[in-house]
Structures are given as C-alpha cells and as structure tokens.
Amino acid sequence: KMETQLEMVFSTGHGQEETKIFTQQPLGIQFGSKMPIIIKRLRLGSQAQQLGVELGWKVHSINGTPLTNMSFHQAYTMLSESSAPL
C-alpha cells in the first residue's frame, strides 16, 4: 500500500518555494493563529527540523491545495485532516 504522506509547499521568502514530504506525526511545527501560516517554532529533533524546514517560512499549499484566499480556520482544518492519517 502507498505510504500515507503529507506534502507541504513553503514559500521561503526569496520568491522560492520548498516542497517537504511529511510521513509521520508529530510534524514538529508551530505557527501563529492567523493567515498567512508562518512557521514560528520548530520542535527540536522533529520531522520538520530533519526535513530542513526553517523559521519564517510560509505555508503555501497542503497536498497540492493552495491556502490562498482561505481563512485560518479553513487552512488549519485542512492541515489537521491531512496530517491525521499519518
């Protein structure tokens, strides 16, 4: 069976994007409760840190769905639902 995974595309702030594939919980990222979703803290030794996610990166899309024009509640719900099966 295909391994469940969560694909997140981040805007790194220099007009560049980074795609990271998460395969397990916890993701290890913390962010503020407003849009855009910006990485504020990384849990030490977490999957996010191992993948090279950096502070200040903005979440651009989750599993191919852009967060543009979404409310924080919509984006957070989508992130929760997408990471639940991991």
PDB file of N, CA and C in Angstrom:
ATOM      1  N   LYS A   1       0.834  -1.197   0.000  1.00  0.00           N
ATOM      2  CA  LYS A   1       0.000   0.000   0.000  1.00  0.00           C
ATOM      3  C   LYS A   1       0.870   1.249   0.000  1.00  0.00           C
ATOM      4  N   MET A   2       0.306   2.310  -0.519  1.00  0.00           N
ATOM      5  CA  MET A   2       1.088   3.540  -0.584  1.00  0.00           C
ATOM      6  C   MET A   2       1.209   4.137   0.804  1.00  0.00           C
ATOM      7  N   GLU A   3       2.403   4.574   1.125  1.00  0.00           N
ATOM      8  CA  GLU A   3       2.610   5.192   2.422  1.00  0.00           C
ATOM      9  C   GLU A   3       1.840   6.516   2.467  1.00  0.00           C
ATOM     10  N   THR A   4       1.147   6.721   3.579  1.00  0.00           N
ATOM     11  CA  THR A   4       0.424   7.975   3.734  1.00  0.00           C
ATOM     12  C   THR A   4       1.435   9.094   3.905  1.00  0.00           C
ATOM     13  N   GLN A   5       1.242  10.173   3.168  1.00  0.00           N
ATOM     14  CA  GLN A   5       2.163  11.280   3.326  1.00  0.00           C
ATOM     15  C   GLN A   5       1.449  12.615   3.177  1.00  0.00           C
ATOM     16  N   LEU A   6       2.094  13.618   3.678  1.00  0.00           N
ATOM     17  CA  LEU A   6       1.565  14.974   3.662  1.00  0.00           C
ATOM     18  C   LEU A   6       2.583  15.847   2.948  1.00  0.00           C
ATOM     19  N   GLU A   7       2.144  16.429   1.836  1.00  0.00           N
ATOM     20  CA  GLU A   7       3.060  17.286   1.075  1.00  0.00           C
ATOM     21  C   GLU A   7       2.760  18.744   1.383  1.00  0.00           C
ATOM     22  N   MET A   8       3.763  19.445   1.877  1.00  0.00           N
ATOM     23  CA  MET A   8       3.592  20.865   2.156  1.00  0.00           C
ATOM     24  C   MET A   8       4.573  21.664   1.316  1.00  0.00           C
ATOM     25  N   VAL A   9       4.051  22.691   0.655  1.00  0.00           N
ATOM     26  CA  VAL A   9       4.923  23.591  -0.095  1.00  0.00           C
ATOM     27  C   VAL A   9       5.026  24.881   0.711  1.00  0.00           C
ATOM     28  N   PHE A  10       6.271  25.296   0.946  1.00  0.00           N
ATOM     29  CA  PHE A  10       6.536  26.514   1.721  1.00  0.00           C
ATOM     30  C   PHE A  10       7.102  27.598   0.811  1.00  0.00           C
ATOM     31  N   SER A  11       6.705  28.842   1.067  1.00  0.00           N
ATOM     32  CA  SER A  11       7.372  29.981   0.432  1.00  0.00           C
ATOM     33  C   SER A  11       8.484  30.393   1.390  1.00  0.00           C
ATOM     34  N   THR A  12       9.712  30.437   0.883  1.00  0.00           N
ATOM     35  CA  THR A  12      10.836  30.704   1.773  1.00  0.00           C
ATOM     36  C   THR A  12      11.129  32.192   1.929  1.00  0.00           C
ATOM     37  N   GLY A  13      10.422  33.019   1.185  1.00  0.00           N
ATOM     38  CA  GLY A  13      10.589  34.452   1.372  1.00  0.00           C
ATOM     39  C   GLY A  13      11.504  35.109   0.367  1.00  0.00           C
ATOM     40  N   HIS A  14      12.142  34.329  -0.499  1.00  0.00           N
ATOM     41  CA  HIS A  14      13.024  34.903  -1.520  1.00  0.00           C
ATOM     42  C   HIS A  14      12.465  34.576  -2.900  1.00  0.00           C
ATOM     43  N   GLY A  15      11.130  34.490  -2.959  1.00  0.00           N
ATOM     44  CA  GLY A  15      10.490  34.148  -4.223  1.00  0.00           C
ATOM     45  C   GLY A  15      10.683  32.688  -4.584  1.00  0.00           C
ATOM     46  N   GLN A  16      11.193  31.918  -3.621  1.00  0.00           N
ATOM     47  CA  GLN A  16      11.421  30.493  -3.885  1.00  0.00           C
ATOM     48  C   GLN A  16      10.473  29.637  -3.070  1.00  0.00           C
ATOM     49  N   GLU A  17      10.255  28.433  -3.544  1.00  0.00           N
ATOM     50  CA  GLU A  17       9.386  27.509  -2.826  1.00  0.00           C
ATOM     51  C   GLU A  17      10.134  26.217  -2.527  1.00  0.00           C
ATOM     52  N   GLU A  18       9.804  25.634  -1.403  1.00  0.00           N
ATOM     53  CA  GLU A  18      10.404  24.364  -0.980  1.00  0.00           C
ATOM     54  C   GLU A  18       9.279  23.382  -0.709  1.00  0.00           C
ATOM     55  N   THR A  19       9.372  22.183  -1.276  1.00  0.00           N
ATOM     56  CA  THR A  19       8.377  21.148  -1.018  1.00  0.00           C
ATOM     57  C   THR A  19       8.952  20.158  -0.011  1.00  0.00           C
ATOM     58  N   LYS A  20       8.192  19.884   1.041  1.00  0.00           N
ATOM     59  CA  LYS A  20       8.625  18.925   2.055  1.00  0.00           C
ATOM     60  C   LYS A  20       7.552  17.866   2.215  1.00  0.00           C
ATOM     61  N   ILE A  21       7.974  16.615   2.313  1.00  0.00           N
ATOM     62  CA  ILE A  21       7.054  15.492   2.459  1.00  0.00           C
ATOM     63  C   ILE A  21       7.142  14.947   3.890  1.00  0.00           C
ATOM     64  N   PHE A  22       6.044  15.067   4.624  1.00  0.00           N
ATOM     65  CA  PHE A  22       5.974  14.536   5.985  1.00  0.00           C
ATOM     66  C   PHE A  22       5.334  13.156   5.927  1.00  0.00           C
ATOM     67  N   THR A  23       5.885  12.207   6.704  1.00  0.00           N
ATOM     68  CA  THR A  23       5.348  10.839   6.670  1.00  0.00           C
ATOM     69  C   THR A  23       4.865  10.368   8.035  1.00  0.00           C
ATOM     70  N   GLN A  24       4.990  11.204   9.058  1.00  0.00           N
ATOM     71  CA  GLN A  24       4.538  10.779  10.381  1.00  0.00           C
ATOM     72  C   GLN A  24       4.221  11.976  11.257  1.00  0.00           C
ATOM     73  N   GLN A  25       3.492  11.704  12.316  1.00  0.00           N
ATOM     74  CA  GLN A  25       3.190  12.699  13.341  1.00  0.00           C
ATOM     75  C   GLN A  25       4.238  12.572  14.438  1.00  0.00           C
ATOM     76  N   PRO A  26       4.536  13.567  15.237  1.00  0.00           N
ATOM     77  CA  PRO A  26       4.105  14.944  15.029  1.00  0.00           C
ATOM     78  C   PRO A  26       4.932  15.616  13.935  1.00  0.00           C
ATOM     79  N   LEU A  27       4.357  16.607  13.298  1.00  0.00           N
ATOM     80  CA  LEU A  27       5.100  17.326  12.258  1.00  0.00           C
ATOM     81  C   LEU A  27       6.232  18.129  12.884  1.00  0.00           C
ATOM     82  N   GLY A  28       5.963  18.671  14.076  1.00  0.00           N
ATOM     83  CA  GLY A  28       7.006  19.422  14.780  1.00  0.00           C
ATOM     84  C   GLY A  28       7.046  20.899  14.453  1.00  0.00           C
ATOM     85  N   ILE A  29       5.950  21.416  13.878  1.00  0.00           N
ATOM     86  CA  ILE A  29       5.918  22.840  13.552  1.00  0.00           C
ATOM     87  C   ILE A  29       4.875  23.557  14.408  1.00  0.00           C
ATOM     88  N   GLN A  30       5.172  24.819  14.732  1.00  0.00           N
ATOM     89  CA  GLN A  30       4.208  25.661  15.428  1.00  0.00           C
ATOM     90  C   GLN A  30       4.086  26.957  14.645  1.00  0.00           C
ATOM     91  N   PHE A  31       2.862  27.506  14.632  1.00  0.00           N
ATOM     92  CA  PHE A  31       2.636  28.728  13.855  1.00  0.00           C
ATOM     93  C   PHE A  31       1.614  29.588  14.575  1.00  0.00           C
ATOM     94  N   GLY A  32       1.526  30.843  14.169  1.00  0.00           N
ATOM     95  CA  GLY A  32       0.555  31.763  14.754  1.00  0.00           C
ATOM     96  C   GLY A  32      -0.846  31.406  14.299  1.00  0.00           C
ATOM     97  N   SER A  33      -1.848  32.027  14.927  1.00  0.00           N
ATOM     98  CA  SER A  33      -3.234  31.665  14.603  1.00  0.00           C
ATOM     99  C   SER A  33      -3.877  32.661  13.653  1.00  0.00           C
ATOM    100  N   LYS A  34      -3.124  33.072  12.648  1.00  0.00           N
ATOM    101  CA  LYS A  34      -3.703  33.927  11.614  1.00  0.00           C
ATOM    102  C   LYS A  34      -3.024  33.633  10.288  1.00  0.00           C
ATOM    103  N   MET A  35      -3.655  34.094   9.221  1.00  0.00           N
ATOM    104  CA  MET A  35      -3.070  33.908   7.892  1.00  0.00           C
ATOM    105  C   MET A  35      -2.093  35.042   7.618  1.00  0.00           C
ATOM    106  N   PRO A  36      -1.035  34.834   6.842  1.00  0.00           N
ATOM    107  CA  PRO A  36      -0.619  33.520   6.346  1.00  0.00           C
ATOM    108  C   PRO A  36      -0.023  32.681   7.477  1.00  0.00           C
ATOM    109  N   ILE A  37       0.027  31.357   7.258  1.00  0.00           N
ATOM    110  CA  ILE A  37       0.596  30.464   8.275  1.00  0.00           C
ATOM    111  C   ILE A  37       2.116  30.520   8.161  1.00  0.00           C
ATOM    112  N   ILE A  38       2.733  31.128   9.156  1.00  0.00           N
ATOM    113  CA  ILE A  38       4.194  31.295   9.157  1.00  0.00           C
ATOM    114  C   ILE A  38       4.779  30.455  10.289  1.00  0.00           C
ATOM    115  N   ILE A  39       5.833  29.701   9.967  1.00  0.00           N
ATOM    116  CA  ILE A  39       6.468  28.833  10.963  1.00  0.00           C
ATOM    117  C   ILE A  39       7.151  29.690  12.030  1.00  0.00           C
ATOM    118  N   LYS A  40       6.690  29.541  13.278  1.00  0.00           N
ATOM    119  CA  LYS A  40       7.235  30.338  14.377  1.00  0.00           C
ATOM    120  C   LYS A  40       8.208  29.555  15.248  1.00  0.00           C
ATOM    121  N   ARG A  41       7.945  28.246  15.388  1.00  0.00           N
ATOM    122  CA  ARG A  41       8.821  27.401  16.200  1.00  0.00           C
ATOM    123  C   ARG A  41       8.919  26.022  15.589  1.00  0.00           C
ATOM    124  N   LEU A  42      10.081  25.388  15.783  1.00  0.00           N
ATOM    125  CA  LEU A  42      10.291  24.009  15.342  1.00  0.00           C
ATOM    126  C   LEU A  42      10.668  23.195  16.564  1.00  0.00           C
ATOM    127  N   ARG A  43      10.033  22.058  16.716  1.00  0.00           N
ATOM    128  CA  ARG A  43      10.371  21.184  17.831  1.00  0.00           C
ATOM    129  C   ARG A  43      11.736  20.553  17.566  1.00  0.00           C
ATOM    130  N   LEU A  44      12.576  20.570  18.579  1.00  0.00           N
ATOM    131  CA  LEU A  44      13.932  20.035  18.459  1.00  0.00           C
ATOM    132  C   LEU A  44      13.900  18.558  18.080  1.00  0.00           C
ATOM    133  N   GLY A  45      14.656  18.197  17.057  1.00  0.00           N
ATOM    134  CA  GLY A  45      14.734  16.797  16.638  1.00  0.00           C
ATOM    135  C   GLY A  45      13.492  16.301  15.926  1.00  0.00           C
ATOM    136  N   SER A  46      12.586  17.221  15.603  1.00  0.00           N
ATOM    137  CA  SER A  46      11.331  16.816  14.970  1.00  0.00           C
ATOM    138  C   SER A  46      11.522  16.534  13.488  1.00  0.00           C
ATOM    139  N   GLN A  47      10.487  15.973  12.900  1.00  0.00           N
ATOM    140  CA  GLN A  47      10.494  15.679  11.474  1.00  0.00           C
ATOM    141  C   GLN A  47      10.717  16.944  10.643  1.00  0.00           C
ATOM    142  N   ALA A  48      10.047  18.033  11.047  1.00  0.00           N
ATOM    143  CA  ALA A  48      10.203  19.303  10.312  1.00  0.00           C
ATOM    144  C   ALA A  48      11.672  19.746  10.308  1.00  0.00           C
ATOM    145  N   GLN A  49      12.313  19.613  11.469  1.00  0.00           N
ATOM    146  CA  GLN A  49      13.713  20.019  11.572  1.00  0.00           C
ATOM    147  C   GLN A  49      14.608  19.110  10.719  1.00  0.00           C
ATOM    148  N   GLN A  50      14.324  17.816  10.742  1.00  0.00           N
ATOM    149  CA  GLN A  50      15.107  16.874   9.940  1.00  0.00           C
ATOM    150  C   GLN A  50      14.937  17.144   8.448  1.00  0.00           C
ATOM    151  N   LEU A  51      13.739  17.611   8.055  1.00  0.00           N
ATOM    152  CA  LEU A  51      13.479  17.904   6.647  1.00  0.00           C
ATOM    153  C   LEU A  51      14.084  19.237   6.212  1.00  0.00           C
ATOM    154  N   GLY A  52      14.518  20.039   7.188  1.00  0.00           N
ATOM    155  CA  GLY A  52      15.134  21.313   6.847  1.00  0.00           C
ATOM    156  C   GLY A  52      14.174  22.479   6.762  1.00  0.00           C
ATOM    157  N   VAL A  53      12.993  22.334   7.390  1.00  0.00           N
ATOM    158  CA  VAL A  53      12.047  23.454   7.442  1.00  0.00           C
ATOM    159  C   VAL A  53      12.671  24.551   8.299  1.00  0.00           C
ATOM    160  N   GLU A  54      12.489  25.804   7.901  1.00  0.00           N
ATOM    161  CA  GLU A  54      13.094  26.913   8.631  1.00  0.00           C
ATOM    162  C   GLU A  54      12.051  27.888   9.159  1.00  0.00           C
ATOM    163  N   LEU A  55      12.424  28.571  10.238  1.00  0.00           N
ATOM    164  CA  LEU A  55      11.547  29.587  10.827  1.00  0.00           C
ATOM    165  C   LEU A  55      11.280  30.682   9.805  1.00  0.00           C
ATOM    166  N   GLY A  56      10.067  31.204   9.830  1.00  0.00           N
ATOM    167  CA  GLY A  56       9.722  32.297   8.928  1.00  0.00           C
ATOM    168  C   GLY A  56       9.159  31.834   7.590  1.00  0.00           C
ATOM    169  N   TRP A  57       9.266  30.534   7.310  1.00  0.00           N
ATOM    170  CA  TRP A  57       8.686  30.025   6.064  1.00  0.00           C
ATOM    171  C   TRP A  57       7.169  30.103   6.162  1.00  0.00           C
ATOM    172  N   LYS A  58       6.546  30.349   5.009  1.00  0.00           N
ATOM    173  CA  LYS A  58       5.099  30.487   4.922  1.00  0.00           C
ATOM    174  C   LYS A  58       4.541  29.240   4.253  1.00  0.00           C
ATOM    175  N   VAL A  59       3.455  28.672   4.812  1.00  0.00           N
ATOM    176  CA  VAL A  59       2.842  27.501   4.189  1.00  0.00           C
ATOM    177  C   VAL A  59       2.044  27.973   2.968  1.00  0.00           C
ATOM    178  N   HIS A  60       2.451  27.491   1.801  1.00  0.00           N
ATOM    179  CA  HIS A  60       1.821  27.906   0.554  1.00  0.00           C
ATOM    180  C   HIS A  60       0.696  26.954   0.157  1.00  0.00           C
ATOM    181  N   SER A  61       0.960  25.644   0.244  1.00  0.00           N
ATOM    182  CA  SER A  61      -0.086  24.674  -0.097  1.00  0.00           C
ATOM    183  C   SER A  61       0.072  23.398   0.719  1.00  0.00           C
ATOM    184  N   ILE A  62      -1.038  22.679   0.847  1.00  0.00           N
ATOM    185  CA  ILE A  62      -1.075  21.410   1.569  1.00  0.00           C
ATOM    186  C   ILE A  62      -1.649  20.367   0.619  1.00  0.00           C
ATOM    187  N   ASN A  63      -0.852  19.329   0.336  1.00  0.00           N
ATOM    188  CA  ASN A  63      -1.259  18.275  -0.600  1.00  0.00           C
ATOM    189  C   ASN A  63      -1.807  18.847  -1.913  1.00  0.00           C
ATOM    190  N   GLY A  64      -1.133  19.889  -2.406  1.00  0.00           N
ATOM    191  CA  GLY A  64      -1.487  20.448  -3.702  1.00  0.00           C
ATOM    192  C   GLY A  64      -2.578  21.512  -3.684  1.00  0.00           C
ATOM    193  N   THR A  65      -3.185  21.739  -2.523  1.00  0.00           N
ATOM    194  CA  THR A  65      -4.227  22.764  -2.434  1.00  0.00           C
ATOM    195  C   THR A  65      -3.642  24.060  -1.873  1.00  0.00           C
ATOM    196  N   PRO A  66      -3.629  25.145  -2.667  1.00  0.00           N
ATOM    197  CA  PRO A  66      -3.082  26.415  -2.180  1.00  0.00           C
ATOM    198  C   PRO A  66      -3.939  26.998  -1.057  1.00  0.00           C
ATOM    199  N   LEU A  67      -3.287  27.640  -0.088  1.00  0.00           N
ATOM    200  CA  LEU A  67      -4.009  28.228   1.038  1.00  0.00           C
ATOM    201  C   LEU A  67      -4.479  29.652   0.725  1.00  0.00           C
ATOM    202  N   THR A  68      -4.123  30.158  -0.453  1.00  0.00           N
ATOM    203  CA  THR A  68      -4.534  31.495  -0.857  1.00  0.00           C
ATOM    204  C   THR A  68      -6.041  31.649  -0.708  1.00  0.00           C
ATOM    205  N   ASN A  69      -6.480  32.768  -0.179  1.00  0.00           N
ATOM    206  CA  ASN A  69      -7.911  33.078  -0.008  1.00  0.00           C
ATOM    207  C   ASN A  69      -8.637  32.208   1.018  1.00  0.00           C
ATOM    208  N   MET A  70      -7.901  31.393   1.769  1.00  0.00           N
ATOM    209  CA  MET A  70      -8.544  30.610   2.827  1.00  0.00           C
ATOM    210  C   MET A  70      -8.488  31.389   4.124  1.00  0.00           C
ATOM    211  N   SER A  71      -9.480  31.112   4.991  1.00  0.00           N
ATOM    212  CA  SER A  71      -9.405  31.676   6.340  1.00  0.00           C
ATOM    213  C   SER A  71      -8.440  30.790   7.138  1.00  0.00           C
ATOM    214  N   PHE A  72      -7.987  31.297   8.286  1.00  0.00           N
ATOM    215  CA  PHE A  72      -7.092  30.492   9.112  1.00  0.00           C
ATOM    216  C   PHE A  72      -7.791  29.198   9.527  1.00  0.00           C
ATOM    217  N   HIS A  73      -9.079  29.307   9.875  1.00  0.00           N
ATOM    218  CA  HIS A  73      -9.831  28.129  10.313  1.00  0.00           C
ATOM    219  C   HIS A  73      -9.870  27.062   9.219  1.00  0.00           C
ATOM    220  N   GLN A  74     -10.095  27.490   7.974  1.00  0.00           N
ATOM    221  CA  GLN A  74     -10.137  26.539   6.850  1.00  0.00           C
ATOM    222  C   GLN A  74      -8.776  25.876   6.658  1.00  0.00           C
ATOM    223  N   ALA A  75      -7.724  26.701   6.687  1.00  0.00           N
ATOM    224  CA  ALA A  75      -6.373  26.178   6.467  1.00  0.00           C
ATOM    225  C   ALA A  75      -5.971  25.225   7.592  1.00  0.00           C
ATOM    226  N   TYR A  76      -6.296  25.605   8.825  1.00  0.00           N
ATOM    227  CA  TYR A  76      -5.940  24.777   9.976  1.00  0.00           C
ATOM    228  C   TYR A  76      -6.690  23.446   9.932  1.00  0.00           C
ATOM    229  N   THR A  77      -7.973  23.502   9.565  1.00  0.00           N
ATOM    230  CA  THR A  77      -8.777  22.285   9.451  1.00  0.00           C
ATOM    231  C   THR A  77      -8.186  21.355   8.394  1.00  0.00           C
ATOM    232  N   MET A  78      -7.797  21.934   7.264  1.00  0.00           N
ATOM    233  CA  MET A  78      -7.219  21.123   6.206  1.00  0.00           C
ATOM    234  C   MET A  78      -5.901  20.483   6.646  1.00  0.00           C
ATOM    235  N   LEU A  79      -5.087  21.249   7.355  1.00  0.00           N
ATOM    236  CA  LEU A  79      -3.824  20.712   7.854  1.00  0.00           C
ATOM    237  C   LEU A  79      -4.067  19.587   8.860  1.00  0.00           C
ATOM    238  N   SER A  80      -5.030  19.797   9.751  1.00  0.00           N
ATOM    239  CA  SER A  80      -5.358  18.762  10.749  1.00  0.00           C
ATOM    240  C   SER A  80      -5.846  17.485  10.078  1.00  0.00           C
ATOM    241  N   GLU A  81      -6.751  17.658   9.100  1.00  0.00           N
ATOM    242  CA  GLU A  81      -7.307  16.476   8.414  1.00  0.00           C
ATOM    243  C   GLU A  81      -6.252  15.766   7.578  1.00  0.00           C
ATOM    244  N   SER A  82      -5.346  16.550   6.980  1.00  0.00           N
ATOM    245  CA  SER A  82      -4.316  15.952   6.122  1.00  0.00           C
ATOM    246  C   SER A  82      -3.261  15.212   6.943  1.00  0.00           C
ATOM    247  N   SER A  83      -3.007  15.687   8.161  1.00  0.00           N
ATOM    248  CA  SER A  83      -1.964  15.036   8.966  1.00  0.00           C
ATOM    249  C   SER A  83      -2.523  13.935   9.861  1.00  0.00           C
ATOM    250  N   ALA A  84      -3.859  13.878   9.989  1.00  0.00           N
ATOM    251  CA  ALA A  84      -4.486  12.858  10.856  1.00  0.00           C
ATOM    252  C   ALA A  84      -4.106  11.409  10.506  1.00  0.00           C
ATOM    253  N   PRO A  85      -4.091  11.036   9.197  1.00  0.00           N
ATOM    254  CA  PRO A  85      -3.795   9.625   8.871  1.00  0.00           C
ATOM    255  C   PRO A  85      -2.328   9.252   9.045  1.00  0.00           C
ATOM    256  N   LEU A  86      -1.450  10.196   9.297  1.00  0.00           N
ATOM    257  CA  LEU A  86      -0.016   9.883   9.366  1.00  0.00           C
ATOM    258  C   LEU A  86       0.314   9.033  10.582  1.00  0.00           C
TER     259      LEU A  86
END
